[in-house]
Protein backbone atom coordinates (compact mmCIF):
# COMPACT_ATOMS: atom_id res chain seq x y z
CA UNK A 1 -3.57 5.47 27.12
CA UNK A 2 -3.61 2.72 24.50
CA UNK A 3 -0.64 2.09 22.22
CA UNK A 4 -0.64 0.54 18.77
CA UNK A 5 1.05 -2.52 20.19
CA UNK A 6 -2.00 -2.85 22.45
CA UNK A 7 -4.27 -2.51 19.43
CA UNK A 8 -2.35 -5.19 17.54
CA UNK A 9 -2.72 -7.58 20.44
CA UNK A 10 -6.49 -7.30 20.82
CA UNK A 11 -7.29 -10.98 21.29
CA UNK A 12 -10.56 -11.07 19.43
CA UNK A 13 -8.98 -9.88 16.17
CA UNK A 14 -5.64 -11.72 15.92
CA UNK A 15 -4.04 -9.07 13.74
CA UNK A 16 -1.17 -10.20 11.55
CA UNK A 17 1.19 -7.18 11.44
CA UNK A 18 2.30 -8.13 7.91
CA UNK A 19 -1.30 -7.77 6.65
CA UNK A 20 -2.00 -4.30 8.12
CA UNK A 21 -1.66 -0.96 6.38
CA UNK A 22 -1.39 2.31 8.30
CA UNK A 23 -3.21 5.05 6.39
CA UNK A 24 -2.75 8.75 7.05
CA UNK A 25 -5.29 10.88 5.17
CA UNK A 26 -3.86 14.30 4.43
CA UNK A 27 -5.09 16.56 1.67
CA UNK A 28 -4.95 20.34 1.52
CA UNK A 29 -7.77 20.81 -1.02
CA UNK A 30 -10.67 22.92 0.27
CA UNK A 31 -13.26 20.21 -0.50
CA UNK A 32 -11.28 17.70 1.58
CA UNK A 33 -11.19 20.05 4.57
CA UNK A 34 -15.00 20.23 4.35
CA UNK A 35 -15.35 16.47 3.85
CA UNK A 36 -13.48 15.54 7.04
CA UNK A 37 -16.01 17.43 9.14
CA UNK A 38 -18.49 14.61 8.45
CA UNK A 39 -17.23 11.19 9.60
CA UNK A 40 -19.53 9.26 7.26
CA UNK A 41 -18.25 11.24 4.27
CA UNK A 42 -14.66 10.68 5.38
CA UNK A 43 -15.30 6.93 5.52
CA UNK A 44 -16.79 7.01 2.00
CA UNK A 45 -13.72 8.92 0.81
CA UNK A 46 -11.50 6.27 2.41
CA UNK A 47 -13.40 3.42 0.74
CA UNK A 48 -12.92 4.82 -2.79
CA UNK A 49 -9.40 4.96 -4.20
CA UNK A 50 -7.79 5.64 -7.57
CA UNK A 51 -5.28 2.81 -7.03
CA UNK A 52 -5.57 -0.59 -5.39
CA UNK A 53 -3.89 0.74 -2.25
CA UNK A 54 -5.37 -1.81 0.18
CA UNK A 55 -4.31 -4.80 -1.89
CA UNK A 56 -2.81 -7.64 0.15
CA UNK A 57 -3.92 -6.29 3.52
CA UNK A 58 -6.60 -7.51 5.88
CA UNK A 59 -6.94 -4.37 8.00
CA UNK A 60 -6.24 -0.68 7.74
CA UNK A 61 -5.43 1.50 10.74
CA UNK A 62 -6.78 4.87 9.68
CA UNK A 63 -5.62 8.35 10.71
CA UNK A 64 -6.41 11.91 9.78
CA UNK A 65 -3.25 13.93 9.18
CA UNK A 66 -2.85 17.05 11.31
CA UNK A 67 -0.08 19.63 11.29
CA UNK A 68 3.51 18.45 10.92
CA UNK A 69 3.76 14.73 11.73
CA UNK A 70 0.76 14.57 14.08
CA UNK A 71 -2.30 12.46 13.33
CA UNK A 72 -5.71 11.75 14.80
CA UNK A 73 -6.72 8.08 15.00
CA UNK A 74 -9.97 7.38 13.12
CA UNK A 75 -10.32 3.62 13.61
CA UNK A 76 -9.43 0.12 12.46
CA UNK A 77 -11.19 -1.25 9.40
CA UNK A 78 -11.36 -4.81 8.07
CA UNK A 79 -10.92 -4.99 4.31
CA UNK A 80 -13.68 -7.38 3.23
CA UNK A 81 -13.50 -7.02 -0.53
CA UNK A 82 -12.70 -4.69 -3.40
CA UNK A 83 -14.26 -4.12 -6.79
CA UNK A 84 -12.92 -2.09 -9.67
CA UNK A 85 -15.27 0.13 -11.66
CA UNK A 86 -14.01 2.53 -14.33
CA UNK A 87 -10.44 2.46 -13.00
CA UNK A 88 -11.59 3.27 -9.43
CA UNK A 89 -11.33 0.84 -6.52
CA UNK A 90 -14.25 0.52 -4.11
CA UNK A 91 -13.58 -1.25 -0.82
CA UNK A 92 -16.07 -2.89 1.47
CA UNK A 93 -14.67 -1.92 4.88
CA UNK A 94 -16.02 -2.86 8.31
CA UNK A 95 -15.01 -0.83 11.32
CA UNK A 96 -13.68 -2.89 14.22
CA UNK A 97 -15.46 -2.34 17.53
CA UNK A 98 -13.67 -1.88 20.83
CA UNK A 99 -10.96 0.62 19.87
CA UNK A 100 -12.81 3.94 20.16
CA UNK A 101 -10.99 4.81 23.40
């Protein structure tokens, strides 16, 4: 089993814990429950936000919220850039390899 301390210490990435945001996606709307069935759609959903939520972070550790306080790990994403269009924030995110286990 891999812990988040192990993930933070992956040598090739040199994560700065102060520049990481842990994101737990949880939404009870019907359309969201359908969206999460398709990983590509979930990643598009993650990349578009109504607020600049990934401001001042280099990486996001992404989770899908399950029942109660449980979550399923989705992956680690590098925040490359953001652009604002019509009061929406669109992030260019790159998934980090080597953490799928």
